[in-house]
Amino acid sequence: MTQTTALRGPLARPVLALAAAALASLALAGCGEQGGKGPATVSAGNAATSAAPTTPPGQAAYEAMLAKVAQTCPPPGEKPAAPPSPAAPPKGEQSVAPDGSVPSEPALDGPETELDTREWCVSVQHEQRVLEVLQKVAKPTPATVRKALNGLGYIDAHIHDLAQDGAVVSFRLDLRESGGRLCETGTAAGEQSDIDPCLASATGPFTVEKTWKRPA
């Protein structure tokens, strides 16, 4: 049997030093691989987080408020029945222009031609609750009007164009939901406060395309 003789004395030191150096190199290589993977994993996580859509603060409570306000209104999609055509005047009594022509009937234009039955109903509900609160704001400012609207459940993401002109503060509410185009445009002026339905852009950033004055 061949026996291995262990190195002893001065010759043993260089061998041990070489072995220690080799082990240290392997350890550093392992750490380098782990370190290289770590930041890549974190970066991917950050990218996924930044790509996620952001939800405005209070959006869930806002949507619950909209549902509660609209609970007595019909489901979306229904269009109001067309108003009855005016009865034809008796023969010989048509209004005639100076040139002898009969003027054409004016085209219908109103919220009922642009909004569905639900939106038209919902607009009335919102107007009543907003007016009730704004009429109690004696000296309105953009800050006090925003606070009053927040108290009703309208969050900042849906309150637009707050502006003061003397003792009057104007504002707009974006009430679009499920593809609808309902909005409200109002003025806070104490007892003289007013609010009316409007038509918002169908998609994209909130813009008002048309406003109707509700009959007093």
N, C-alpha and C. Protein backbone atom coordinates (compact mmCIF):
# COMPACT_ATOMS: atom_id res chain seq x y z
N MET A 1 0.85 -1.20 0.00
CA MET A 1 0.00 0.00 0.00
C MET A 1 0.88 1.24 0.00
N THR A 2 0.48 2.20 -0.84
CA THR A 2 1.26 3.43 -0.92
C THR A 2 0.69 4.43 0.06
N GLN A 3 1.50 4.95 0.85
CA GLN A 3 1.08 5.95 1.84
C GLN A 3 1.42 7.35 1.35
N THR A 4 0.48 8.27 1.55
CA THR A 4 0.73 9.67 1.17
C THR A 4 1.37 10.39 2.32
N THR A 5 2.42 11.00 2.00
CA THR A 5 3.15 11.73 3.04
C THR A 5 2.67 13.15 3.09
N ALA A 6 2.17 13.61 4.22
CA ALA A 6 1.69 14.99 4.37
C ALA A 6 2.86 15.94 4.34
N LEU A 7 2.62 17.09 3.65
CA LEU A 7 3.67 18.10 3.59
C LEU A 7 3.80 18.79 4.93
N ARG A 8 4.98 18.92 5.32
CA ARG A 8 5.24 19.60 6.58
C ARG A 8 6.34 20.63 6.36
N GLY A 9 6.45 21.52 7.24
CA GLY A 9 7.54 22.47 7.20
C GLY A 9 7.29 23.62 6.23
N PRO A 10 8.30 24.29 5.77
CA PRO A 10 8.18 25.48 4.93
C PRO A 10 7.47 25.21 3.61
N LEU A 11 7.58 23.98 3.03
CA LEU A 11 6.95 23.69 1.74
C LEU A 11 5.42 23.71 1.84
N ALA A 12 4.91 23.43 2.99
CA ALA A 12 3.45 23.36 3.14
C ALA A 12 2.78 24.72 3.00
N ARG A 13 3.46 25.80 3.36
CA ARG A 13 2.84 27.12 3.38
C ARG A 13 2.43 27.60 1.99
N PRO A 14 3.29 27.49 0.96
CA PRO A 14 2.84 27.94 -0.37
C PRO A 14 1.63 27.18 -0.88
N VAL A 15 1.58 25.88 -0.64
CA VAL A 15 0.44 25.09 -1.10
C VAL A 15 -0.84 25.54 -0.43
N LEU A 16 -0.78 25.75 0.88
CA LEU A 16 -1.96 26.21 1.60
C LEU A 16 -2.40 27.60 1.12
N ALA A 17 -1.46 28.44 0.82
CA ALA A 17 -1.79 29.79 0.34
C ALA A 17 -2.50 29.73 -0.99
N LEU A 18 -1.99 28.83 -1.90
CA LEU A 18 -2.65 28.69 -3.20
C LEU A 18 -4.07 28.17 -3.06
N ALA A 19 -4.29 27.23 -2.18
CA ALA A 19 -5.63 26.67 -1.96
C ALA A 19 -6.58 27.74 -1.43
N ALA A 20 -6.12 28.55 -0.51
CA ALA A 20 -6.97 29.61 0.06
C ALA A 20 -7.34 30.63 -1.00
N ALA A 21 -6.37 30.96 -1.88
CA ALA A 21 -6.66 31.93 -2.95
C ALA A 21 -7.70 31.40 -3.91
N ALA A 22 -7.63 30.09 -4.22
CA ALA A 22 -8.60 29.49 -5.13
C ALA A 22 -10.00 29.52 -4.54
N LEU A 23 -10.10 29.19 -3.27
CA LEU A 23 -11.40 29.22 -2.60
C LEU A 23 -11.98 30.63 -2.58
N ALA A 24 -11.16 31.64 -2.34
CA ALA A 24 -11.62 33.02 -2.30
C ALA A 24 -12.14 33.46 -3.67
N SER A 25 -11.46 33.02 -4.75
CA SER A 25 -11.90 33.38 -6.10
C SER A 25 -13.26 32.79 -6.41
N LEU A 26 -13.46 31.50 -6.00
CA LEU A 26 -14.76 30.87 -6.23
C LEU A 26 -15.87 31.59 -5.47
N ALA A 27 -15.58 32.01 -4.24
CA ALA A 27 -16.59 32.70 -3.44
C ALA A 27 -16.98 34.03 -4.07
N LEU A 28 -15.94 34.77 -4.56
CA LEU A 28 -16.23 36.06 -5.19
C LEU A 28 -17.04 35.89 -6.47
N ALA A 29 -16.74 34.85 -7.24
CA ALA A 29 -17.49 34.59 -8.47
C ALA A 29 -18.95 34.31 -8.17
N GLY A 30 -19.20 33.51 -7.11
CA GLY A 30 -20.57 33.21 -6.71
C GLY A 30 -21.32 34.46 -6.30
N CYS A 31 -20.65 35.33 -5.53
CA CYS A 31 -21.31 36.56 -5.09
C CYS A 31 -21.61 37.47 -6.27
N GLY A 32 -20.68 37.49 -7.26
CA GLY A 32 -20.90 38.33 -8.43
C GLY A 32 -22.11 37.90 -9.20
N GLU A 33 -22.33 36.58 -9.34
CA GLU A 33 -23.51 36.09 -10.06
C GLU A 33 -24.79 36.47 -9.35
N GLN A 34 -24.78 36.29 -8.02
CA GLN A 34 -25.99 36.62 -7.26
C GLN A 34 -26.26 38.12 -7.32
N GLY A 35 -25.18 38.93 -7.19
CA GLY A 35 -25.36 40.38 -7.23
C GLY A 35 -25.88 40.82 -8.58
N GLY A 36 -25.45 40.17 -9.66
CA GLY A 36 -25.92 40.55 -10.99
C GLY A 36 -27.38 40.29 -11.18
N LYS A 37 -27.89 39.20 -10.58
CA LYS A 37 -29.30 38.86 -10.73
C LYS A 37 -30.20 39.74 -9.88
N GLY A 38 -29.69 40.15 -8.69
CA GLY A 38 -30.52 40.90 -7.74
C GLY A 38 -31.11 42.17 -8.32
N PRO A 39 -30.25 43.12 -8.79
CA PRO A 39 -30.79 44.37 -9.32
C PRO A 39 -31.72 44.17 -10.51
N ALA A 40 -31.44 43.18 -11.37
CA ALA A 40 -32.30 42.93 -12.53
C ALA A 40 -33.70 42.55 -12.08
N THR A 41 -33.78 41.71 -11.02
CA THR A 41 -35.08 41.29 -10.52
C THR A 41 -35.86 42.48 -9.95
N VAL A 42 -35.17 43.36 -9.19
CA VAL A 42 -35.83 44.52 -8.60
C VAL A 42 -36.30 45.47 -9.68
N SER A 43 -35.45 45.66 -10.72
CA SER A 43 -35.82 46.56 -11.80
C SER A 43 -37.08 46.07 -12.51
N ALA A 44 -37.16 44.77 -12.75
CA ALA A 44 -38.34 44.21 -13.41
C ALA A 44 -39.58 44.44 -12.56
N GLY A 45 -39.42 44.28 -11.23
CA GLY A 45 -40.56 44.51 -10.35
C GLY A 45 -41.01 45.95 -10.37
N ASN A 46 -40.02 46.88 -10.39
CA ASN A 46 -40.37 48.30 -10.43
C ASN A 46 -41.07 48.65 -11.73
N ALA A 47 -40.60 48.05 -12.83
CA ALA A 47 -41.21 48.34 -14.13
C ALA A 47 -42.66 47.86 -14.16
N ALA A 48 -42.90 46.68 -13.59
CA ALA A 48 -44.27 46.15 -13.57
C ALA A 48 -45.17 47.04 -12.74
N THR A 49 -44.62 47.56 -11.62
CA THR A 49 -45.42 48.42 -10.75
C THR A 49 -45.76 49.73 -11.44
N SER A 50 -44.76 50.33 -12.13
CA SER A 50 -45.00 51.61 -12.78
C SER A 50 -45.97 51.48 -13.95
N ALA A 51 -46.03 50.30 -14.56
CA ALA A 51 -46.92 50.11 -15.70
C ALA A 51 -48.37 49.92 -15.28
N ALA A 52 -48.61 49.58 -14.01
CA ALA A 52 -49.98 49.34 -13.55
C ALA A 52 -50.77 50.64 -13.55
N PRO A 53 -52.04 50.63 -13.97
CA PRO A 53 -52.85 51.86 -13.99
C PRO A 53 -53.09 52.37 -12.58
N THR A 54 -53.10 53.68 -12.43
CA THR A 54 -53.32 54.28 -11.13
C THR A 54 -54.80 54.59 -10.95
N THR A 55 -55.29 54.39 -9.76
CA THR A 55 -56.70 54.65 -9.43
C THR A 55 -56.75 55.88 -8.54
N PRO A 56 -57.58 56.88 -8.87
CA PRO A 56 -57.66 58.08 -8.03
C PRO A 56 -58.06 57.72 -6.60
N PRO A 57 -57.50 58.41 -5.61
CA PRO A 57 -57.89 58.16 -4.22
C PRO A 57 -59.39 58.35 -4.04
N GLY A 58 -60.01 57.41 -3.35
CA GLY A 58 -61.44 57.52 -3.09
C GLY A 58 -62.33 57.09 -4.24
N GLN A 59 -61.77 56.48 -5.28
CA GLN A 59 -62.56 56.11 -6.46
C GLN A 59 -63.66 55.11 -6.12
N ALA A 60 -63.34 54.13 -5.26
CA ALA A 60 -64.35 53.12 -4.91
C ALA A 60 -65.54 53.76 -4.21
N ALA A 61 -65.27 54.66 -3.27
CA ALA A 61 -66.36 55.33 -2.56
C ALA A 61 -67.14 56.24 -3.51
N TYR A 62 -66.45 56.86 -4.45
CA TYR A 62 -67.11 57.72 -5.44
C TYR A 62 -68.07 56.90 -6.29
N GLU A 63 -67.63 55.75 -6.76
CA GLU A 63 -68.49 54.90 -7.59
C GLU A 63 -69.70 54.40 -6.79
N ALA A 64 -69.49 54.12 -5.51
CA ALA A 64 -70.61 53.69 -4.67
C ALA A 64 -71.63 54.82 -4.52
N MET A 65 -71.14 56.06 -4.41
CA MET A 65 -72.04 57.21 -4.33
C MET A 65 -72.85 57.36 -5.62
N LEU A 66 -72.19 57.21 -6.77
CA LEU A 66 -72.90 57.31 -8.04
C LEU A 66 -74.01 56.26 -8.14
N ALA A 67 -73.70 55.05 -7.70
CA ALA A 67 -74.70 53.98 -7.75
C ALA A 67 -75.88 54.28 -6.84
N LYS A 68 -75.59 54.85 -5.68
CA LYS A 68 -76.67 55.16 -4.74
C LYS A 68 -77.56 56.28 -5.29
N VAL A 69 -76.95 57.31 -5.89
CA VAL A 69 -77.72 58.42 -6.45
C VAL A 69 -78.62 57.93 -7.58
N ALA A 70 -78.13 56.97 -8.35
CA ALA A 70 -78.86 56.50 -9.54
C ALA A 70 -79.76 55.31 -9.27
N GLN A 71 -79.93 54.90 -8.03
CA GLN A 71 -80.65 53.65 -7.76
C GLN A 71 -82.13 53.71 -8.14
N THR A 72 -82.70 54.91 -8.23
CA THR A 72 -84.11 55.01 -8.62
C THR A 72 -84.27 55.28 -10.12
N CYS A 73 -83.17 55.33 -10.85
CA CYS A 73 -83.23 55.64 -12.29
C CYS A 73 -83.20 54.36 -13.12
N PRO A 74 -83.68 54.40 -14.35
CA PRO A 74 -83.70 53.21 -15.22
C PRO A 74 -82.29 52.78 -15.60
N PRO A 75 -82.13 51.58 -16.11
CA PRO A 75 -80.80 51.10 -16.53
C PRO A 75 -80.28 51.91 -17.70
N PRO A 76 -78.95 51.90 -17.92
CA PRO A 76 -78.39 52.69 -19.02
C PRO A 76 -78.77 52.13 -20.38
N GLY A 77 -78.70 52.99 -21.38
CA GLY A 77 -78.93 52.55 -22.75
C GLY A 77 -80.27 52.95 -23.34
N GLU A 78 -81.27 53.22 -22.49
CA GLU A 78 -82.58 53.58 -23.01
C GLU A 78 -82.61 55.04 -23.43
N LYS A 79 -83.19 55.29 -24.58
CA LYS A 79 -83.35 56.66 -25.05
C LYS A 79 -84.75 57.15 -24.73
N PRO A 80 -84.88 58.41 -24.35
CA PRO A 80 -86.23 58.93 -24.05
C PRO A 80 -87.11 58.85 -25.29
N ALA A 81 -88.40 58.69 -25.06
CA ALA A 81 -89.34 58.67 -26.19
C ALA A 81 -89.34 60.03 -26.85
N ALA A 82 -89.40 60.04 -28.15
CA ALA A 82 -89.39 61.30 -28.88
C ALA A 82 -90.62 62.12 -28.51
N PRO A 83 -90.47 63.41 -28.30
CA PRO A 83 -91.65 64.23 -27.96
C PRO A 83 -92.64 64.19 -29.10
N PRO A 84 -93.93 64.27 -28.83
CA PRO A 84 -94.95 64.20 -29.88
C PRO A 84 -94.80 65.36 -30.86
N SER A 85 -95.06 65.08 -32.10
CA SER A 85 -94.99 66.13 -33.13
C SER A 85 -96.10 67.13 -32.88
N PRO A 86 -95.82 68.41 -33.05
CA PRO A 86 -96.89 69.41 -32.84
C PRO A 86 -98.02 69.19 -33.84
N ALA A 87 -99.22 69.41 -33.38
CA ALA A 87 -100.39 69.23 -34.25
C ALA A 87 -100.34 70.22 -35.41
N ALA A 88 -100.68 69.74 -36.58
CA ALA A 88 -100.65 70.62 -37.75
C ALA A 88 -101.74 71.68 -37.60
N PRO A 89 -101.42 72.93 -37.88
CA PRO A 89 -102.44 73.98 -37.76
C PRO A 89 -103.51 73.80 -38.83
N PRO A 90 -104.71 74.29 -38.58
CA PRO A 90 -105.78 74.17 -39.58
C PRO A 90 -105.34 74.75 -40.92
N LYS A 91 -105.88 74.18 -41.96
CA LYS A 91 -105.52 74.60 -43.30
C LYS A 91 -105.79 76.08 -43.49
N GLY A 92 -104.83 76.76 -44.03
CA GLY A 92 -104.98 78.19 -44.26
C GLY A 92 -104.42 79.03 -43.14
N GLU A 93 -103.98 78.38 -42.02
CA GLU A 93 -103.48 79.15 -40.88
C GLU A 93 -101.98 78.96 -40.66
N GLN A 94 -101.28 78.32 -41.61
CA GLN A 94 -99.84 78.17 -41.46
C GLN A 94 -99.17 79.54 -41.46
N SER A 95 -98.12 79.63 -40.64
CA SER A 95 -97.37 80.89 -40.65
C SER A 95 -96.58 80.96 -41.94
N VAL A 96 -96.60 82.08 -42.55
CA VAL A 96 -95.94 82.26 -43.84
C VAL A 96 -94.97 83.42 -43.74
N ALA A 97 -93.76 83.19 -44.28
CA ALA A 97 -92.74 84.23 -44.28
C ALA A 97 -93.11 85.31 -45.29
N PRO A 98 -92.50 86.49 -45.18
CA PRO A 98 -92.81 87.58 -46.13
C PRO A 98 -92.62 87.18 -47.58
N ASP A 99 -91.69 86.25 -47.84
CA ASP A 99 -91.46 85.85 -49.24
C ASP A 99 -92.43 84.78 -49.70
N GLY A 100 -93.40 84.41 -48.84
CA GLY A 100 -94.40 83.43 -49.21
C GLY A 100 -94.05 82.00 -48.87
N SER A 101 -92.82 81.76 -48.33
CA SER A 101 -92.42 80.39 -47.98
C SER A 101 -92.89 80.04 -46.58
N VAL A 102 -93.05 78.72 -46.33
CA VAL A 102 -93.45 78.23 -45.01
C VAL A 102 -92.18 77.83 -44.26
N PRO A 103 -91.89 78.45 -43.11
CA PRO A 103 -90.65 78.14 -42.38
C PRO A 103 -90.65 76.69 -41.92
N SER A 104 -89.46 76.10 -41.95
CA SER A 104 -89.33 74.71 -41.51
C SER A 104 -89.37 74.64 -39.99
N GLU A 105 -89.75 73.47 -39.47
CA GLU A 105 -89.81 73.29 -38.02
C GLU A 105 -88.40 73.29 -37.45
N PRO A 106 -88.20 73.91 -36.29
CA PRO A 106 -86.86 73.94 -35.69
C PRO A 106 -86.43 72.53 -35.29
N ALA A 107 -85.14 72.27 -35.44
CA ALA A 107 -84.60 70.95 -35.06
C ALA A 107 -84.59 70.82 -33.54
N LEU A 108 -84.88 69.63 -33.08
CA LEU A 108 -84.86 69.38 -31.64
C LEU A 108 -83.43 69.43 -31.13
N ASP A 109 -83.23 70.07 -30.00
CA ASP A 109 -81.90 70.16 -29.41
C ASP A 109 -82.07 70.26 -27.90
N GLY A 110 -81.62 69.26 -27.18
CA GLY A 110 -81.74 69.26 -25.74
C GLY A 110 -81.06 68.03 -25.16
N PRO A 111 -80.96 67.99 -23.85
CA PRO A 111 -80.29 66.84 -23.22
C PRO A 111 -80.90 65.51 -23.63
N GLU A 112 -82.23 65.49 -23.84
CA GLU A 112 -82.88 64.23 -24.17
C GLU A 112 -82.48 63.70 -25.54
N THR A 113 -81.87 64.55 -26.38
CA THR A 113 -81.41 64.08 -27.68
C THR A 113 -79.98 63.55 -27.63
N GLU A 114 -79.25 63.85 -26.56
CA GLU A 114 -77.84 63.45 -26.44
C GLU A 114 -77.61 62.45 -25.32
N LEU A 115 -78.40 62.53 -24.27
CA LEU A 115 -78.23 61.66 -23.10
C LEU A 115 -79.30 60.59 -23.10
N ASP A 116 -78.99 59.43 -22.52
CA ASP A 116 -80.03 58.41 -22.43
C ASP A 116 -80.92 58.69 -21.22
N THR A 117 -81.96 57.87 -21.08
CA THR A 117 -82.95 58.11 -20.03
C THR A 117 -82.31 58.09 -18.64
N ARG A 118 -81.39 57.17 -18.44
CA ARG A 118 -80.74 57.07 -17.12
C ARG A 118 -79.96 58.35 -16.81
N GLU A 119 -79.16 58.82 -17.78
CA GLU A 119 -78.35 60.02 -17.54
C GLU A 119 -79.23 61.23 -17.26
N TRP A 120 -80.33 61.35 -18.00
CA TRP A 120 -81.25 62.47 -17.80
C TRP A 120 -81.85 62.41 -16.40
N CYS A 121 -82.18 61.21 -15.95
CA CYS A 121 -82.71 61.03 -14.59
C CYS A 121 -81.64 61.30 -13.54
N VAL A 122 -80.45 60.76 -13.78
CA VAL A 122 -79.35 60.92 -12.82
C VAL A 122 -78.97 62.39 -12.67
N SER A 123 -79.01 63.13 -13.77
CA SER A 123 -78.62 64.54 -13.71
C SER A 123 -79.51 65.30 -12.73
N VAL A 124 -80.79 64.99 -12.73
CA VAL A 124 -81.71 65.66 -11.81
C VAL A 124 -81.34 65.35 -10.37
N GLN A 125 -81.02 64.10 -10.09
CA GLN A 125 -80.65 63.70 -8.72
C GLN A 125 -79.40 64.45 -8.24
N HIS A 126 -78.39 64.52 -9.10
CA HIS A 126 -77.16 65.22 -8.71
C HIS A 126 -77.40 66.70 -8.51
N GLU A 127 -78.19 67.30 -9.39
CA GLU A 127 -78.44 68.74 -9.28
C GLU A 127 -79.14 69.09 -7.98
N GLN A 128 -80.09 68.28 -7.58
CA GLN A 128 -80.83 68.57 -6.35
C GLN A 128 -79.92 68.49 -5.12
N ARG A 129 -79.09 67.45 -5.06
CA ARG A 129 -78.25 67.30 -3.86
C ARG A 129 -77.13 68.34 -3.83
N VAL A 130 -76.60 68.72 -4.99
CA VAL A 130 -75.54 69.72 -5.02
C VAL A 130 -76.08 71.10 -4.67
N LEU A 131 -77.23 71.47 -5.24
CA LEU A 131 -77.82 72.77 -4.96
C LEU A 131 -78.15 72.93 -3.49
N GLU A 132 -78.67 71.90 -2.89
CA GLU A 132 -79.05 71.96 -1.47
C GLU A 132 -77.87 72.34 -0.60
N VAL A 133 -76.69 71.83 -0.94
CA VAL A 133 -75.49 72.11 -0.15
C VAL A 133 -74.90 73.47 -0.51
N LEU A 134 -74.82 73.79 -1.80
CA LEU A 134 -74.18 75.04 -2.21
C LEU A 134 -74.96 76.26 -1.74
N GLN A 135 -76.27 76.15 -1.64
CA GLN A 135 -77.06 77.30 -1.19
C GLN A 135 -76.76 77.66 0.26
N LYS A 136 -76.12 76.74 0.98
CA LYS A 136 -75.77 77.00 2.37
C LYS A 136 -74.37 77.58 2.52
N VAL A 137 -73.62 77.68 1.40
CA VAL A 137 -72.28 78.27 1.44
C VAL A 137 -72.44 79.77 1.20
N ALA A 138 -72.39 80.54 2.28
CA ALA A 138 -72.71 81.97 2.20
C ALA A 138 -71.72 82.75 1.35
N LYS A 139 -70.42 82.53 1.56
CA LYS A 139 -69.39 83.25 0.82
C LYS A 139 -68.48 82.23 0.13
N PRO A 140 -68.90 81.75 -1.01
CA PRO A 140 -68.15 80.67 -1.66
C PRO A 140 -66.77 81.09 -2.16
N THR A 141 -65.84 80.20 -2.02
CA THR A 141 -64.50 80.31 -2.60
C THR A 141 -64.21 78.96 -3.25
N PRO A 142 -63.23 78.86 -4.13
CA PRO A 142 -62.90 77.56 -4.69
C PRO A 142 -62.64 76.50 -3.62
N ALA A 143 -62.00 76.90 -2.53
CA ALA A 143 -61.70 75.94 -1.46
C ALA A 143 -62.96 75.47 -0.76
N THR A 144 -63.89 76.39 -0.43
CA THR A 144 -65.11 75.99 0.28
C THR A 144 -66.05 75.20 -0.63
N VAL A 145 -66.07 75.54 -1.92
CA VAL A 145 -66.91 74.79 -2.86
C VAL A 145 -66.36 73.38 -3.03
N ARG A 146 -65.04 73.26 -3.16
CA ARG A 146 -64.44 71.93 -3.28
C ARG A 146 -64.76 71.09 -2.03
N LYS A 147 -64.65 71.71 -0.87
CA LYS A 147 -64.93 71.00 0.38
C LYS A 147 -66.38 70.53 0.43
N ALA A 148 -67.30 71.40 -0.03
CA ALA A 148 -68.73 71.04 -0.04
C ALA A 148 -68.98 69.87 -0.99
N LEU A 149 -68.35 69.90 -2.15
CA LEU A 149 -68.53 68.81 -3.12
C LEU A 149 -67.88 67.52 -2.62
N ASN A 150 -66.71 67.64 -2.00
CA ASN A 150 -66.07 66.47 -1.40
C ASN A 150 -66.97 65.83 -0.35
N GLY A 151 -67.66 66.68 0.43
CA GLY A 151 -68.54 66.16 1.47
C GLY A 151 -69.71 65.36 0.90
N LEU A 152 -70.07 65.63 -0.35
CA LEU A 152 -71.14 64.88 -1.00
C LEU A 152 -70.64 63.61 -1.69
N GLY A 153 -69.31 63.42 -1.70
CA GLY A 153 -68.75 62.23 -2.32
C GLY A 153 -68.09 62.45 -3.66
N TYR A 154 -68.09 63.69 -4.16
CA TYR A 154 -67.43 63.98 -5.43
C TYR A 154 -65.93 64.18 -5.16
N ILE A 155 -65.09 63.35 -5.71
CA ILE A 155 -63.66 63.42 -5.43
C ILE A 155 -62.98 64.40 -6.38
N ASP A 156 -61.78 64.84 -6.00
CA ASP A 156 -61.08 65.88 -6.74
C ASP A 156 -60.85 65.50 -8.20
N ALA A 157 -60.65 64.20 -8.48
CA ALA A 157 -60.38 63.77 -9.86
C ALA A 157 -61.56 64.05 -10.78
N HIS A 158 -62.76 64.28 -10.22
CA HIS A 158 -63.95 64.52 -11.04
C HIS A 158 -64.51 65.93 -10.87
N ILE A 159 -63.77 66.80 -10.18
CA ILE A 159 -64.14 68.21 -10.03
C ILE A 159 -63.21 69.03 -10.91
N HIS A 160 -63.76 69.83 -11.81
CA HIS A 160 -62.93 70.55 -12.78
C HIS A 160 -63.29 72.04 -12.84
N ASP A 161 -62.32 72.80 -13.30
CA ASP A 161 -62.52 74.22 -13.66
C ASP A 161 -63.08 75.07 -12.54
N LEU A 162 -62.63 74.84 -11.32
CA LEU A 162 -63.03 75.71 -10.21
C LEU A 162 -62.42 77.09 -10.43
N ALA A 163 -63.26 78.10 -10.48
CA ALA A 163 -62.75 79.46 -10.71
C ALA A 163 -63.68 80.46 -10.04
N GLN A 164 -63.10 81.52 -9.50
CA GLN A 164 -63.90 82.53 -8.82
C GLN A 164 -63.97 83.80 -9.66
N ASP A 165 -65.17 84.36 -9.74
CA ASP A 165 -65.42 85.61 -10.43
C ASP A 165 -66.27 86.48 -9.51
N GLY A 166 -65.64 87.34 -8.76
CA GLY A 166 -66.35 88.13 -7.76
C GLY A 166 -66.87 87.23 -6.64
N ALA A 167 -68.18 87.28 -6.42
CA ALA A 167 -68.79 86.48 -5.36
C ALA A 167 -69.28 85.12 -5.87
N VAL A 168 -68.97 84.79 -7.12
CA VAL A 168 -69.46 83.55 -7.72
C VAL A 168 -68.29 82.61 -8.03
N VAL A 169 -68.48 81.33 -7.73
CA VAL A 169 -67.49 80.31 -8.05
C VAL A 169 -68.10 79.33 -9.04
N SER A 170 -67.47 79.18 -10.18
CA SER A 170 -67.95 78.24 -11.18
C SER A 170 -67.19 76.92 -11.07
N PHE A 171 -67.81 75.84 -11.53
CA PHE A 171 -67.19 74.52 -11.45
C PHE A 171 -67.88 73.59 -12.44
N ARG A 172 -67.26 72.44 -12.65
CA ARG A 172 -67.85 71.40 -13.49
C ARG A 172 -67.60 70.05 -12.84
N LEU A 173 -68.57 69.15 -12.99
CA LEU A 173 -68.46 67.79 -12.46
C LEU A 173 -68.46 66.80 -13.61
N ASP A 174 -67.48 65.93 -13.61
CA ASP A 174 -67.41 64.86 -14.60
C ASP A 174 -68.14 63.65 -14.04
N LEU A 175 -69.30 63.35 -14.60
CA LEU A 175 -70.13 62.25 -14.12
C LEU A 175 -70.21 61.11 -15.14
N ARG A 176 -69.25 61.05 -16.05
CA ARG A 176 -69.25 59.99 -17.05
C ARG A 176 -69.02 58.63 -16.40
N GLU A 177 -69.78 57.64 -16.83
CA GLU A 177 -69.59 56.27 -16.38
C GLU A 177 -70.18 55.32 -17.41
N SER A 178 -69.52 54.18 -17.57
CA SER A 178 -69.99 53.14 -18.50
C SER A 178 -70.25 53.68 -19.90
N GLY A 179 -69.37 54.52 -20.39
CA GLY A 179 -69.53 55.05 -21.73
C GLY A 179 -70.45 56.24 -21.85
N GLY A 180 -71.02 56.71 -20.75
CA GLY A 180 -71.92 57.86 -20.78
C GLY A 180 -71.16 59.16 -20.97
N ARG A 181 -71.92 60.25 -21.15
CA ARG A 181 -71.29 61.54 -21.40
C ARG A 181 -71.85 62.65 -20.50
N LEU A 182 -72.46 62.25 -19.40
CA LEU A 182 -73.09 63.24 -18.52
C LEU A 182 -72.05 64.04 -17.73
N CYS A 183 -72.29 65.34 -17.66
CA CYS A 183 -71.53 66.19 -16.76
C CYS A 183 -72.46 67.28 -16.25
N GLU A 184 -72.00 68.03 -15.28
CA GLU A 184 -72.79 69.14 -14.74
C GLU A 184 -71.91 70.37 -14.68
N THR A 185 -72.47 71.50 -15.03
CA THR A 185 -71.76 72.77 -14.91
C THR A 185 -72.55 73.68 -13.98
N GLY A 186 -71.89 74.24 -13.00
CA GLY A 186 -72.63 74.98 -11.99
C GLY A 186 -71.91 76.23 -11.51
N THR A 187 -72.65 77.03 -10.75
CA THR A 187 -72.11 78.22 -10.10
C THR A 187 -72.57 78.22 -8.65
N ALA A 188 -71.63 78.49 -7.77
CA ALA A 188 -71.94 78.60 -6.35
C ALA A 188 -72.04 80.08 -6.01
N ALA A 189 -73.22 80.50 -5.56
CA ALA A 189 -73.45 81.91 -5.23
C ALA A 189 -74.48 82.01 -4.12
N GLY A 190 -74.33 81.21 -3.09
CA GLY A 190 -75.28 81.24 -1.98
C GLY A 190 -76.66 80.83 -2.45
N GLU A 191 -77.67 81.64 -2.12
CA GLU A 191 -79.04 81.33 -2.50
C GLU A 191 -79.24 81.36 -4.01
N GLN A 192 -78.35 82.02 -4.73
CA GLN A 192 -78.47 82.13 -6.18
C GLN A 192 -77.67 81.05 -6.91
N SER A 193 -77.24 80.03 -6.22
CA SER A 193 -76.47 78.95 -6.85
C SER A 193 -77.30 78.28 -7.94
N ASP A 194 -76.61 77.76 -8.93
CA ASP A 194 -77.31 77.15 -10.05
C ASP A 194 -76.45 76.01 -10.60
N ILE A 195 -77.10 75.02 -11.21
CA ILE A 195 -76.37 73.91 -11.82
C ILE A 195 -77.23 73.31 -12.94
N ASP A 196 -76.60 72.98 -14.05
CA ASP A 196 -77.32 72.49 -15.23
C ASP A 196 -76.55 71.33 -15.86
N PRO A 197 -77.26 70.47 -16.59
CA PRO A 197 -76.60 69.33 -17.24
C PRO A 197 -75.76 69.79 -18.43
N CYS A 198 -74.73 69.00 -18.72
CA CYS A 198 -73.90 69.28 -19.88
C CYS A 198 -73.45 67.97 -20.52
N LEU A 199 -72.89 68.08 -21.70
CA LEU A 199 -72.44 66.93 -22.46
C LEU A 199 -70.91 66.94 -22.49
N ALA A 200 -70.29 65.88 -21.98
CA ALA A 200 -68.83 65.79 -21.94
C ALA A 200 -68.32 65.02 -23.14
N SER A 201 -67.02 65.14 -23.37
CA SER A 201 -66.38 64.39 -24.45
C SER A 201 -66.58 62.90 -24.22
N ALA A 202 -66.73 62.15 -25.30
CA ALA A 202 -67.00 60.72 -25.17
C ALA A 202 -65.80 59.96 -24.62
N THR A 203 -64.60 60.35 -25.01
CA THR A 203 -63.38 59.69 -24.56
C THR A 203 -62.31 60.73 -24.29
N GLY A 204 -61.24 60.28 -23.68
CA GLY A 204 -60.10 61.16 -23.44
C GLY A 204 -60.31 62.10 -22.28
N PRO A 205 -59.45 63.11 -22.18
CA PRO A 205 -59.55 64.07 -21.08
C PRO A 205 -60.91 64.75 -21.06
N PHE A 206 -61.32 65.16 -19.87
CA PHE A 206 -62.64 65.77 -19.69
C PHE A 206 -62.71 67.14 -20.36
N THR A 207 -63.66 67.28 -21.26
CA THR A 207 -63.97 68.58 -21.86
C THR A 207 -65.49 68.66 -22.02
N VAL A 208 -66.03 69.85 -21.92
CA VAL A 208 -67.47 70.07 -22.07
C VAL A 208 -67.75 70.49 -23.51
N GLU A 209 -68.66 69.77 -24.15
CA GLU A 209 -68.99 70.07 -25.54
C GLU A 209 -70.30 70.85 -25.68
N LYS A 210 -71.20 70.72 -24.71
CA LYS A 210 -72.48 71.39 -24.82
C LYS A 210 -73.09 71.51 -23.42
N THR A 211 -73.77 72.62 -23.17
CA THR A 211 -74.46 72.84 -21.90
C THR A 211 -75.89 73.26 -22.17
N TRP A 212 -76.82 72.76 -21.35
CA TRP A 212 -78.23 73.11 -21.50
C TRP A 212 -78.69 73.84 -20.23
N LYS A 213 -79.52 74.82 -20.41
CA LYS A 213 -80.10 75.53 -19.27
C LYS A 213 -81.40 74.85 -18.91
N ARG A 214 -81.46 74.28 -17.71
CA ARG A 214 -82.69 73.60 -17.31
C ARG A 214 -83.78 74.63 -17.01
N PRO A 215 -85.00 74.39 -17.49
CA PRO A 215 -86.08 75.36 -17.22
C PRO A 215 -86.27 75.57 -15.74
N ALA A 216 -86.52 76.80 -15.36
CA ALA A 216 -86.71 77.13 -13.93
C ALA A 216 -88.02 76.53 -13.42
